[in-house]
C-alpha cells in the first residue's frame, strides 16, 4: 500500500498530461477545419507538448537522483 501511495502524484501528473494533450489536440483539429495548411504546425505543437509532458512525468516519478540523471541523459 505504501508503494502505491508513492506513485499517486506521478499517476495524477500522467493523467493531467494525457488530458491536456487530448484537449489541445481537439482544439487544433477544430482550428484546422477552418484554416487549411496548418497540419505541420499542429504536429510540431503536439510533439513539443508531448516531449514536455514526458519530461514532467519523469521528473515527478519517485526515484533516486542517480537514476533520474541516467534516465534524462
Protein backbone atom coordinates (compact mmCIF):
# COMPACT_ATOMS: atom_id res chain seq x y z
CA UNK A 1 0.00 0.00 0.00
CA UNK A 2 2.88 2.33 0.78
CA UNK A 3 4.35 1.82 -2.70
CA UNK A 4 1.05 2.75 -4.32
CA UNK A 5 0.91 5.98 -2.33
CA UNK A 6 4.41 6.92 -3.52
CA UNK A 7 3.27 6.73 -7.15
CA UNK A 8 -0.02 8.58 -6.65
CA UNK A 9 1.40 12.04 -7.57
CA UNK A 10 3.01 10.50 -10.66
CA UNK A 11 -0.26 8.97 -11.77
CA UNK A 12 -2.05 12.27 -11.22
CA UNK A 13 0.56 14.08 -13.26
CA UNK A 14 0.33 11.48 -16.01
CA UNK A 15 -3.45 11.83 -16.11
CA UNK A 16 -3.16 15.63 -16.29
CA UNK A 17 -0.65 15.40 -19.16
CA UNK A 18 -2.86 12.98 -21.11
CA UNK A 19 -5.97 15.12 -20.62
CA UNK A 20 -4.06 18.24 -21.66
CA UNK A 21 -2.79 16.53 -24.82
CA UNK A 22 -6.30 15.36 -25.71
CA UNK A 23 -7.80 18.82 -25.21
CA UNK A 24 -5.06 20.56 -27.22
CA UNK A 25 -5.41 18.01 -30.00
CA UNK A 26 -9.15 18.62 -30.23
CA UNK A 27 -8.61 22.39 -30.27
CA UNK A 28 -6.01 22.06 -33.02
CA UNK A 29 -8.28 19.79 -35.05
CA UNK A 30 -11.10 22.30 -34.74
CA UNK A 31 -8.91 25.17 -35.87
CA UNK A 32 -7.53 23.06 -38.71
CA UNK A 33 -11.02 22.68 -40.14
CA UNK A 34 -11.19 26.47 -40.53
CA UNK A 35 -7.63 27.01 -41.69
CA UNK A 36 -6.17 24.56 -44.15
CA UNK A 37 -2.43 24.05 -44.49
CA UNK A 38 -1.59 24.12 -40.77
CA UNK A 39 -1.05 20.40 -40.31
CA UNK A 40 2.73 20.73 -39.87
CA UNK A 41 2.33 23.45 -37.25
CA UNK A 42 -0.18 21.34 -35.36
CA UNK A 43 2.14 18.34 -35.45
CA UNK A 44 5.03 20.41 -34.09
CA UNK A 45 2.85 21.78 -31.27
CA UNK A 46 1.78 18.26 -30.32
CA UNK A 47 5.32 16.89 -30.43
CA UNK A 48 6.63 19.70 -28.22
CA UNK A 49 3.79 19.28 -25.73
CA UNK A 50 4.30 15.51 -25.67
CA UNK A 51 8.04 15.87 -25.03
CA UNK A 52 7.38 18.43 -22.29
CA UNK A 53 4.76 16.18 -20.71
CA UNK A 54 7.13 13.21 -20.78
CA UNK A 55 9.83 15.28 -19.11
CA UNK A 56 7.41 16.42 -16.39
CA UNK A 57 6.29 12.85 -15.71
CA UNK A 58 9.90 11.67 -15.47
CA UNK A 59 10.73 14.46 -13.03
CA UNK A 60 7.75 13.59 -10.81
CA UNK A 61 8.35 9.82 -10.66
CA UNK A 62 9.89 8.91 -7.28
CA UNK A 63 13.43 7.70 -7.99
CA UNK A 64 16.93 8.44 -6.84
CA UNK A 65 18.95 11.33 -8.22
CA UNK A 66 21.43 8.99 -9.90
CA UNK A 67 18.74 7.04 -11.71
CA UNK A 68 16.91 10.23 -12.70
CA UNK A 69 20.13 11.58 -14.19
CA UNK A 70 20.60 8.38 -16.18
CA UNK A 71 17.02 8.45 -17.47
CA UNK A 72 17.27 12.10 -18.52
CA UNK A 73 20.62 11.71 -20.28
